[in-house]
C-alpha atoms as a PDB file:
ATOM      1  CA  MET A   1      81.428  60.996 -61.568  1.00  0.00           C
ATOM      2  CA  GLY A   2      79.412  62.613 -58.294  1.00  0.00           C
ATOM      3  CA  TRP A   3      75.968  62.957 -57.855  1.00  0.00           C
ATOM      4  CA  CYS A   4      74.865  61.492 -61.084  1.00  0.00           C
ATOM      5  CA  GLU A   5      76.123  58.157 -60.305  1.00  0.00           C
ATOM      6  CA  GLY A   6      73.661  55.531 -60.853  1.00  0.00           C
ATOM      7  CA  LYS A   7      70.932  57.876 -60.633  1.00  0.00           C
ATOM      8  CA  SER A   8      67.992  57.452 -63.108  1.00  0.00           C
ATOM      9  CA  VAL A   9      66.518  60.350 -65.246  1.00  0.00           C
ATOM     10  CA  PHE A  10      63.704  61.319 -67.486  1.00  0.00           C
ATOM     11  CA  ILE A  11      64.575  63.878 -70.197  1.00  0.00           C
ATOM     12  CA  THR A  12      61.467  64.733 -72.818  1.00  0.00           C
ATOM     13  CA  GLY A  13      62.934  66.624 -76.023  1.00  0.00           C
ATOM     14  CA  ALA A  14      66.004  64.162 -75.686  1.00  0.00           C
ATOM     15  CA  SER A  15      65.817  63.538 -79.898  1.00  0.00           C
ATOM     16  CA  ALA A  16      68.259  66.892 -80.435  1.00  0.00           C
ATOM     17  CA  GLY A  17      69.511  69.639 -79.218  1.00  0.00           C
ATOM     18  CA  ILE A  18      69.549  70.737 -75.650  1.00  0.00           C
ATOM     19  CA  GLY A  19      68.085  67.496 -74.396  1.00  0.00           C
ATOM     20  CA  ALA A  20      69.656  65.276 -76.461  1.00  0.00           C
ATOM     21  CA  ALA A  21      73.510  66.953 -75.162  1.00  0.00           C
ATOM     22  CA  LEU A  22      71.533  66.755 -72.099  1.00  0.00           C
ATOM     23  CA  ALA A  23      71.133  63.365 -72.038  1.00  0.00           C
ATOM     24  CA  ARG A  24      75.158  62.611 -72.949  1.00  0.00           C
ATOM     25  CA  GLU A  25      76.285  64.409 -70.557  1.00  0.00           C
ATOM     26  CA  PHE A  26      74.102  62.885 -67.604  1.00  0.00           C
ATOM     27  CA  ALA A  27      75.303  59.015 -69.361  1.00  0.00           C
ATOM     28  CA  ARG A  28      78.558  60.311 -68.876  1.00  0.00           C
ATOM     29  CA  ARG A  29      78.451  60.988 -65.570  1.00  0.00           C
ATOM     30  CA  GLY A  30      77.088  57.689 -64.904  1.00  0.00           C
ATOM     31  CA  ALA A  31      73.148  58.252 -65.157  1.00  0.00           C
ATOM     32  CA  ARG A  32      71.062  55.819 -66.347  1.00  0.00           C
ATOM     33  CA  VAL A  33      68.809  57.701 -69.067  1.00  0.00           C
ATOM     34  CA  ALA A  34      65.166  57.539 -70.471  1.00  0.00           C
ATOM     35  CA  LEU A  35      65.298  59.406 -73.443  1.00  0.00           C
ATOM     36  CA  ALA A  36      61.866  60.749 -74.444  1.00  0.00           C
ATOM     37  CA  ALA A  37      60.662  62.319 -77.896  1.00  0.00           C
ATOM     38  CA  ARG A  38      58.461  62.080 -81.005  1.00  0.00           C
ATOM     39  CA  ARG A  39      60.777  61.257 -83.251  1.00  0.00           C
ATOM     40  CA  LEU A  40      61.966  57.438 -82.609  1.00  0.00           C
ATOM     41  CA  ASP A  41      64.523  57.683 -85.436  1.00  0.00           C
ATOM     42  CA  ARG A  42      66.622  60.035 -83.992  1.00  0.00           C
ATOM     43  CA  LEU A  43      66.088  59.335 -80.404  1.00  0.00           C
ATOM     44  CA  ALA A  44      67.633  55.824 -81.444  1.00  0.00           C
ATOM     45  CA  LYS A  45      70.621  57.655 -82.894  1.00  0.00           C
ATOM     46  CA  VAL A  46      70.972  59.426 -79.671  1.00  0.00           C
ATOM     47  CA  GLN A  47      71.236  56.347 -78.037  1.00  0.00           C
ATOM     48  CA  GLU A  48      72.909  54.592 -79.716  1.00  0.00           C
ATOM     49  CA  GLY A  49      75.757  57.149 -79.819  1.00  0.00           C
ATOM     50  CA  ILE A  50      75.420  56.668 -75.444  1.00  0.00           C
ATOM     51  CA  ALA A  51      76.082  53.270 -75.727  1.00  0.00           C
ATOM     52  CA  ALA A  52      78.955  53.438 -77.629  1.00  0.00           C
ATOM     53  CA  ALA A  53      80.229  55.735 -75.668  1.00  0.00           C
ATOM     54  CA  GLY A  54      79.716  53.200 -72.165  1.00  0.00           C
ATOM     55  CA  GLY A  55      76.440  54.775 -71.571  1.00  0.00           C
ATOM     56  CA  ASP A  56      73.069  53.431 -70.348  1.00  0.00           C
ATOM     57  CA  ALA A  57      70.397  54.489 -71.865  1.00  0.00           C
ATOM     58  CA  LEU A  58      66.483  53.612 -72.873  1.00  0.00           C
ATOM     59  CA  ALA A  59      64.803  54.969 -75.733  1.00  0.00           C
ATOM     60  CA  VAL A  60      60.603  55.702 -75.111  1.00  0.00           C
ATOM     61  CA  GLN A  61      58.637  57.276 -77.626  1.00  0.00           C
ATOM     62  CA  CYS A  62      55.867  59.972 -76.806  1.00  0.00           C
ATOM     63  CA  ASP A  63      54.673  63.213 -77.347  1.00  0.00           C
ATOM     64  CA  VAL A  64      54.081  65.624 -74.831  1.00  0.00           C
ATOM     65  CA  THR A  65      50.371  67.085 -75.643  1.00  0.00           C
ATOM     66  CA  ASP A  66      49.841  63.282 -75.316  1.00  0.00           C
ATOM     67  CA  ARG A  67      49.618  62.932 -71.520  1.00  0.00           C
ATOM     68  CA  ALA A  68      48.821  58.772 -72.237  1.00  0.00           C
ATOM     69  CA  SER A  69      51.881  58.355 -74.322  1.00  0.00           C
ATOM     70  CA  LEU A  70      53.675  60.331 -71.287  1.00  0.00           C
ATOM     71  CA  ASP A  71      52.750  58.283 -68.307  1.00  0.00           C
ATOM     72  CA  ARG A  72      53.707  55.306 -70.733  1.00  0.00           C
ATOM     73  CA  ALA A  73      56.659  56.805 -71.127  1.00  0.00           C
ATOM     74  CA  VAL A  74      57.354  57.274 -67.533  1.00  0.00           C
ATOM     75  CA  ALA A  75      56.025  53.820 -66.700  1.00  0.00           C
ATOM     76  CA  ARG A  76      58.511  52.357 -69.011  1.00  0.00           C
ATOM     77  CA  ALA A  77      61.973  54.372 -67.622  1.00  0.00           C
ATOM     78  CA  ALA A  78      60.357  53.692 -64.112  1.00  0.00           C
ATOM     79  CA  ASP A  79      59.894  49.437 -64.802  1.00  0.00           C
ATOM     80  CA  ALA A  80      63.336  49.836 -66.455  1.00  0.00           C
ATOM     81  CA  PHE A  81      65.504  52.014 -63.843  1.00  0.00           C
ATOM     82  CA  GLY A  82      63.330  50.963 -60.552  1.00  0.00           C
ATOM     83  CA  GLY A  83      61.594  54.694 -60.434  1.00  0.00           C
ATOM     84  CA  LEU A  84      63.039  58.006 -61.461  1.00  0.00           C
ATOM     85  CA  ASP A  85      65.495  60.110 -59.445  1.00  0.00           C
ATOM     86  CA  VAL A  86      65.301  63.325 -61.903  1.00  0.00           C
ATOM     87  CA  ALA A  87      63.228  64.308 -64.714  1.00  0.00           C
ATOM     88  CA  VAL A  88      63.926  67.364 -67.160  1.00  0.00           C
ATOM     89  CA  ALA A  89      60.543  68.254 -68.842  1.00  0.00           C
ATOM     90  CA  ASN A  90      62.627  69.920 -72.143  1.00  0.00           C
ATOM     91  CA  ALA A  91      60.140  69.517 -75.028  1.00  0.00           C
ATOM     92  CA  GLY A  92      59.110  72.307 -76.785  1.00  0.00           C
ATOM     93  CA  PHE A  93      58.918  74.595 -80.285  1.00  0.00           C
ATOM     94  CA  GLY A  94      58.844  78.265 -80.955  1.00  0.00           C
ATOM     95  CA  VAL A  95      56.215  80.353 -82.420  1.00  0.00           C
ATOM     96  CA  SER A  96      57.594  83.650 -84.036  1.00  0.00           C
ATOM     97  CA  GLY A  97      55.693  86.693 -86.347  1.00  0.00           C
ATOM     98  CA  PRO A  98      53.937  89.881 -85.172  1.00  0.00           C
ATOM     99  CA  PHE A  99      50.699  89.266 -83.092  1.00  0.00           C
ATOM    100  CA  GLU A 100      48.171  90.592 -85.315  1.00  0.00           C
ATOM    101  CA  LYS A 101      49.470  88.241 -88.302  1.00  0.00           C
ATOM    102  CA  LEU A 102      49.083  85.063 -85.403  1.00  0.00           C
ATOM    103  CA  SER A 103      46.231  84.094 -85.149  1.00  0.00           C
ATOM    104  CA  THR A 104      44.379  82.280 -81.149  1.00  0.00           C
ATOM    105  CA  GLU A 105      45.456  78.851 -82.313  1.00  0.00           C
ATOM    106  CA  ASP A 106      48.928  79.901 -83.128  1.00  0.00           C
ATOM    107  CA  TYR A 107      49.596  80.915 -79.100  1.00  0.00           C
ATOM    108  CA  ARG A 108      47.294  77.845 -78.041  1.00  0.00           C
ATOM    109  CA  ARG A 109      49.463  75.686 -80.188  1.00  0.00           C
ATOM    110  CA  GLN A 110      51.950  76.813 -78.495  1.00  0.00           C
ATOM    111  CA  PHE A 111      51.191  76.681 -75.163  1.00  0.00           C
ATOM    112  CA  ASP A 112      49.912  72.949 -76.061  1.00  0.00           C
ATOM    113  CA  THR A 113      53.699  72.063 -76.135  1.00  0.00           C
ATOM    114  CA  ASN A 114      55.632  74.657 -74.031  1.00  0.00           C
ATOM    115  CA  VAL A 115      53.438  74.578 -71.107  1.00  0.00           C
ATOM    116  CA  PHE A 116      50.409  72.381 -70.678  1.00  0.00           C
ATOM    117  CA  GLY A 117      52.860  69.454 -72.056  1.00  0.00           C
ATOM    118  CA  LEU A 118      55.482  70.922 -69.781  1.00  0.00           C
ATOM    119  CA  MET A 119      52.990  70.420 -66.780  1.00  0.00           C
ATOM    120  CA  ASP A 120      51.520  66.931 -67.872  1.00  0.00           C
ATOM    121  CA  THR A 121      54.976  65.642 -67.555  1.00  0.00           C
ATOM    122  CA  THR A 122      55.374  67.351 -64.053  1.00  0.00           C
ATOM    123  CA  TYR A 123      52.453  65.619 -63.561  1.00  0.00           C
ATOM    124  CA  ALA A 124      53.421  62.352 -64.667  1.00  0.00           C
ATOM    125  CA  VAL A 125      57.015  61.875 -62.890  1.00  0.00           C
ATOM    126  CA  LEU A 126      55.942  64.141 -59.495  1.00  0.00           C
ATOM    127  CA  PRO A 127      54.877  60.625 -57.954  1.00  0.00           C
ATOM    128  CA  LEU A 128      58.430  58.981 -58.593  1.00  0.00           C
ATOM    129  CA  LEU A 129      60.365  62.376 -57.403  1.00  0.00           C
ATOM    130  CA  ARG A 130      58.339  62.139 -53.969  1.00  0.00           C
ATOM    131  CA  GLN A 131      59.488  58.729 -53.793  1.00  0.00           C
ATOM    132  CA  SER A 132      62.914  59.516 -54.746  1.00  0.00           C
ATOM    133  CA  LYS A 133      63.383  62.986 -53.038  1.00  0.00           C
ATOM    134  CA  GLY A 134      64.625  63.534 -56.365  1.00  0.00           C
ATOM    135  CA  ARG A 135      65.109  66.458 -59.132  1.00  0.00           C
ATOM    136  CA  LEU A 136      63.015  68.568 -61.401  1.00  0.00           C
ATOM    137  CA  ALA A 137      63.960  70.738 -63.918  1.00  0.00           C
ATOM    138  CA  LEU A 138      61.863  72.576 -66.475  1.00  0.00           C
ATOM    139  CA  VAL A 139      62.957  73.878 -69.455  1.00  0.00           C
ATOM    140  CA  SER A 140      62.463  77.906 -69.928  1.00  0.00           C
ATOM    141  CA  SER A 141      64.168  80.340 -71.436  1.00  0.00           C
ATOM    142  CA  VAL A 142      66.447  83.855 -71.006  1.00  0.00           C
ATOM    143  CA  MET A 143      62.967  84.837 -72.925  1.00  0.00           C
ATOM    144  CA  GLY A 144      60.996  83.872 -70.158  1.00  0.00           C
ATOM    145  CA  ARG A 145      62.671  86.481 -68.266  1.00  0.00           C
ATOM    146  CA  VAL A 146      62.578  89.558 -71.474  1.00  0.00           C
ATOM    147  CA  ALA A 147      60.831  89.907 -73.807  1.00  0.00           C
ATOM    148  CA  THR A 148      61.676  90.923 -77.901  1.00  0.00           C
ATOM    149  CA  PRO A 149      59.417  92.033 -80.554  1.00  0.00           C
ATOM    150  CA  SER A 150      57.461  89.092 -82.781  1.00  0.00           C
ATOM    151  CA  THR A 151      57.897  86.434 -79.903  1.00  0.00           C
ATOM    152  CA  SER A 152      55.221  87.148 -78.240  1.00  0.00           C
ATOM    153  CA  ALA A 153      53.640  83.532 -78.348  1.00  0.00           C
ATOM    154  CA  TYR A 154      56.846  81.946 -77.316  1.00  0.00           C
ATOM    155  CA  CYS A 155      58.002  84.762 -74.817  1.00  0.00           C
ATOM    156  CA  SER A 156      54.319  84.543 -73.126  1.00  0.00           C
ATOM    157  CA  SER A 157      54.952  80.297 -72.986  1.00  0.00           C
ATOM    158  CA  LYS A 158      57.893  80.741 -71.508  1.00  0.00           C
ATOM    159  CA  PHE A 159      57.199  83.693 -68.974  1.00  0.00           C
ATOM    160  CA  ALA A 160      53.824  80.865 -67.432  1.00  0.00           C
ATOM    161  CA  VAL A 161      57.300  77.783 -67.002  1.00  0.00           C
ATOM    162  CA  CYS A 162      59.454  80.587 -65.541  1.00  0.00           C
ATOM    163  CA  GLY A 163      56.066  81.665 -62.644  1.00  0.00           C
ATOM    164  CA  LEU A 164      54.751  77.837 -62.567  1.00  0.00           C
ATOM    165  CA  ALA A 165      58.414  76.914 -61.780  1.00  0.00           C
ATOM    166  CA  GLU A 166      58.681  79.217 -58.800  1.00  0.00           C
ATOM    167  CA  SER A 167      55.557  77.847 -57.278  1.00  0.00           C
ATOM    168  CA  LEU A 168      56.438  74.723 -57.717  1.00  0.00           C
ATOM    169  CA  TYR A 169      59.758  75.234 -56.342  1.00  0.00           C
ATOM    170  CA  TYR A 170      58.139  76.405 -52.873  1.00  0.00           C
ATOM    171  CA  GLU A 171      54.825  72.997 -52.808  1.00  0.00           C
ATOM    172  CA  LEU A 172      57.385  70.234 -54.089  1.00  0.00           C
ATOM    173  CA  ALA A 173      60.476  71.629 -51.115  1.00  0.00           C
ATOM    174  CA  GLU A 174      57.729  70.029 -48.600  1.00  0.00           C
ATOM    175  CA  ARG A 175      57.845  66.921 -50.683  1.00  0.00           C
ATOM    176  CA  GLY A 176      61.577  66.846 -50.691  1.00  0.00           C
ATOM    177  CA  VAL A 177      62.027  67.578 -54.615  1.00  0.00           C
ATOM    178  CA  SER A 178      63.843  70.435 -55.878  1.00  0.00           C
ATOM    179  CA  VAL A 179      62.946  72.072 -58.664  1.00  0.00           C
ATOM    180  CA  THR A 180      65.455  74.005 -61.072  1.00  0.00           C
ATOM    181  CA  CYS A 181      64.323  76.780 -63.880  1.00  0.00           C
ATOM    182  CA  ILE A 182      66.910  76.250 -66.610  1.00  0.00           C
ATOM    183  CA  GLU A 183      66.951  79.237 -68.661  1.00  0.00           C
ATOM    184  CA  PRO A 184      69.064  79.009 -71.570  1.00  0.00           C
ATOM    185  CA  GLY A 185      70.370  81.858 -73.844  1.00  0.00           C
ATOM    186  CA  LEU A 186      71.691  80.955 -78.198  1.00  0.00           C
ATOM    187  CA  VAL A 187      72.117  77.088 -77.430  1.00  0.00           C
ATOM    188  CA  GLU A 188      73.785  75.237 -80.267  1.00  0.00           C
ATOM    189  CA  SER A 189      70.315  73.847 -81.385  1.00  0.00           C
ATOM    190  CA  ASP A 190      67.498  72.749 -84.196  1.00  0.00           C
ATOM    191  CA  PHE A 191      65.243  74.528 -81.934  1.00  0.00           C
ATOM    192  CA  ARG A 192      65.824  77.725 -84.747  1.00  0.00           C
ATOM    193  CA  MET A 193      64.799  75.252 -87.998  1.00  0.00           C
ATOM    194  CA  THR A 194      62.002  74.655 -86.391  1.00  0.00           C
ATOM    195  CA  ASP A 195      58.575  76.294 -88.176  1.00  0.00           C
ATOM    196  CA  ASN A 196      55.227  77.490 -86.299  1.00  0.00           C
ATOM    197  CA  ARG A 197      54.026  74.102 -85.901  1.00  0.00           C
ATOM    198  CA  GLY A 198      57.368  72.718 -84.350  1.00  0.00           C
ATOM    199  CA  VAL A 199      57.981  71.189 -87.612  1.00  0.00           C
ATOM    200  CA  TYR A 200      61.939  70.257 -87.649  1.00  0.00           C
ATOM    201  CA  HIS A 201      63.727  71.093 -91.844  1.00  0.00           C
ATOM    202  CA  GLU A 202      66.869  69.742 -92.784  1.00  0.00           C
ATOM    203  CA  GLY A 203      69.188  71.850 -93.827  1.00  0.00           C
ATOM    204  CA  LEU A 204      67.806  75.192 -92.644  1.00  0.00           C
ATOM    205  CA  GLU A 205      70.427  77.624 -92.064  1.00  0.00           C
ATOM    206  CA  ASP A 206      70.413  78.759 -88.305  1.00  0.00           C
ATOM    207  CA  PRO A 207      69.020  82.318 -88.324  1.00  0.00           C
ATOM    208  CA  ALA A 208      71.521  83.239 -84.761  1.00  0.00           C
ATOM    209  CA  THR A 209      74.563  84.914 -84.565  1.00  0.00           C
ATOM    210  CA  THR A 210      77.787  82.367 -84.630  1.00  0.00           C
ATOM    211  CA  TRP A 211      79.636  84.054 -82.206  1.00  0.00           C
ATOM    212  CA  LEU A 212      77.156  84.004 -79.460  1.00  0.00           C
ATOM    213  CA  VAL A 213      75.907  80.516 -79.535  1.00  0.00           C
ATOM    214  CA  MET A 214      77.311  78.271 -76.930  1.00  0.00           C
ATOM    215  CA  PRO A 215      77.951  74.248 -78.001  1.00  0.00           C
ATOM    216  CA  SER A 216      75.583  72.152 -76.649  1.00  0.00           C
ATOM    217  CA  ASP A 217      77.694  70.070 -74.949  1.00  0.00           C
ATOM    218  CA  LYS A 218      78.837  73.355 -72.610  1.00  0.00           C
ATOM    219  CA  ALA A 219      75.511  74.187 -72.020  1.00  0.00           C
ATOM    220  CA  ALA A 220      74.493  70.313 -71.376  1.00  0.00           C
ATOM    221  CA  ARG A 221      77.296  70.530 -67.854  1.00  0.00           C
ATOM    222  CA  ALA A 222      76.045  73.710 -66.842  1.00  0.00           C
ATOM    223  CA  MET A 223      72.967  72.859 -66.944  1.00  0.00           C
ATOM    224  CA  VAL A 224      73.487  69.497 -64.523  1.00  0.00           C
ATOM    225  CA  ARG A 225      75.841  71.221 -62.500  1.00  0.00           C
ATOM    226  CA  ALA A 226      72.728  73.308 -61.144  1.00  0.00           C
ATOM    227  CA  ILE A 227      70.465  70.370 -61.041  1.00  0.00           C
ATOM    228  CA  GLY A 228      72.791  68.049 -58.577  1.00  0.00           C
ATOM    229  CA  ARG A 229      73.297  71.352 -56.606  1.00  0.00           C
ATOM    230  CA  ARG A 230      69.315  71.432 -56.263  1.00  0.00           C
ATOM    231  CA  ARG A 231      70.057  75.844 -57.619  1.00  0.00           C
ATOM    232  CA  PHE A 232      66.364  76.869 -58.291  1.00  0.00           C
ATOM    233  CA  GLU A 233      67.684  79.209 -61.177  1.00  0.00           C
ATOM    234  CA  ALA A 234      69.861  78.017 -63.789  1.00  0.00           C
ATOM    235  CA  ILE A 235      70.798  81.123 -66.507  1.00  0.00           C
ATOM    236  CA  VAL A 236      72.794  79.466 -69.373  1.00  0.00           C
ATOM    237  CA  THR A 237      75.157  81.911 -71.578  1.00  0.00           C
ATOM    238  CA  ASN A 238      77.075  85.131 -71.103  1.00  0.00           C
ATOM    239  CA  HIS A 239      75.119  86.938 -73.318  1.00  0.00           C
ATOM    240  CA  GLY A 240      71.568  85.754 -71.179  1.00  0.00           C
ATOM    241  CA  LYS A 241      72.834  86.329 -67.905  1.00  0.00           C
ATOM    242  CA  LEU A 242      73.243  89.684 -68.978  1.00  0.00           C
ATOM    243  CA  ILE A 243      70.621  90.504 -70.769  1.00  0.00           C
ATOM    244  CA  VAL A 244      68.291  88.993 -67.205  1.00  0.00           C
ATOM    245  CA  PHE A 245      70.497  91.346 -65.464  1.00  0.00           C
ATOM    246  CA  MET A 246      69.964  94.108 -66.908  1.00  0.00           C
ATOM    247  CA  ASN A 247      66.194  93.814 -67.118  1.00  0.00           C
ATOM    248  CA  ARG A 248      65.606  92.955 -63.305  1.00  0.00           C
ATOM    249  CA  HIS A 249      67.987  95.986 -62.279  1.00  0.00           C
ATOM    250  CA  PHE A 250      67.605  98.235 -65.440  1.00  0.00           C
ATOM    251  CA  PRO A 251      64.146  97.423 -66.992  1.00  0.00           C
ATOM    252  CA  ARG A 252      63.623 100.963 -68.202  1.00  0.00           C
ATOM    253  CA  THR A 253      67.139 101.101 -69.696  1.00  0.00           C
ATOM    254  CA  VAL A 254      66.580  97.781 -71.651  1.00  0.00           C
ATOM    255  CA  ARG A 255      63.270  99.122 -73.014  1.00  0.00           C
ATOM    256  CA  LEU A 256      64.875 101.968 -73.580  1.00  0.00           C
ATOM    257  CA  LEU A 257      67.350 100.189 -75.678  1.00  0.00           C
ATOM    258  CA  MET A 258      65.070  97.917 -77.387  1.00  0.00           C
ATOM    259  CA  ARG A 259      62.650 100.387 -78.470  1.00  0.00           C
ATOM    260  CA  LEU A 260      65.903 101.962 -80.093  1.00  0.00           C
ATOM    261  CA  ALA A 261      67.102  99.099 -81.639  1.00  0.00           C
ATOM    262  CA  THR A 262      63.545  98.321 -83.212  1.00  0.00           C
ATOM    263  CA  LYS A 263      62.399 102.012 -83.741  1.00  0.00           C
ATOM    264  CA  GLY A 264      62.087 102.026 -88.012  1.00  0.00           C
ATOM    265  CA  ARG A 265      63.424  98.328 -88.347  1.00  0.00           C
ATOM    266  CA  MET A 266      60.138  96.289 -87.605  1.00  0.00           C
ATOM    267  CA  ALA A 267      59.195  95.389 -90.946  1.00  0.00           C
ATOM    268  CA  ARG A 268      63.158  94.025 -91.373  1.00  0.00           C
ATOM    269  CA  ILE A 269      62.845  92.491 -87.971  1.00  0.00           C
ATOM    270  CA  GLU A 270      59.485  90.434 -88.743  1.00  0.00           C
ATOM    271  CA  LYS A 271      60.624  89.313 -91.971  1.00  0.00           C
ATOM    272  CA  ARG A 272      64.204  87.562 -90.520  1.00  0.00           C
ATOM    273  CA  LYS A 273      61.178  86.048 -87.625  1.00  0.00           C
ATOM    274  CA  ARG A 274      59.212  84.971 -90.592  1.00  0.00           C
ATOM    275  CA  ALA A 275      62.146  83.208 -92.298  1.00  0.00           C
ATOM    276  CA  ARG A 276      61.026  80.188 -91.231  1.00  0.00           C
ATOM    277  CA  PRO A 277      58.510  77.758 -93.020  1.00  0.00           C
ATOM    278  CA  SER A 278      55.337  78.424 -91.367  1.00  0.00           C
ATOM    279  CA  SER A 279      53.390  75.412 -92.080  1.00  0.00           C
END
């Protein structure tokens, strides 16, 4: 079971995708897991699956854009488990579309969840993590390191998460709390089936290239290892590692290749990005 045995873990966005996979992986390794999200019905399914496998999970409803609900959820988890050792700020969604067709409100809505919601999650759990000298994981994205067209709202929010994580890494080290910035590439999830308001549309086809998508359980194992080792950065998926490496060491080459790949094709790219329902 390793370092997870007996630890208490709080995960936002735990009703599906990466959050649910992380919850199952932590529980499989012997941790007690608090599952936090807006959709109680889906949280219940994840909780039932963990319990059926012999794990210990608690479902707590919360909305990361509502600080009061976050505080209540964290308090319930801490009361049930006697504190917190690990927190994963995972809740998020993606706004897509060309800049000129988005509004300031679109960007504000994106940041409310992906940045300010993540920050409020951190504020809510930090006193408990300081007591346990625990671990904080902030979920960003490969697109928090490399920008692509028609994703400026999402990329901006995830770039902000990477910057926040780097600053917190130094600040919280003085308190004995480690910070891990998780940067997934394409991972199995319902993330790409949500619209620009964060609403999930069941049955919508995943637009991602199938062979590039990493199974969520495999991704979760890599993330939990990185958190356990108190590593600062965890880039998940081989294509994600390659893209970030190239952008760090050969940024002009990446921009040239991106420009060549999109030249004369922006209308088609924008149409694909906006293929999801927008309301």
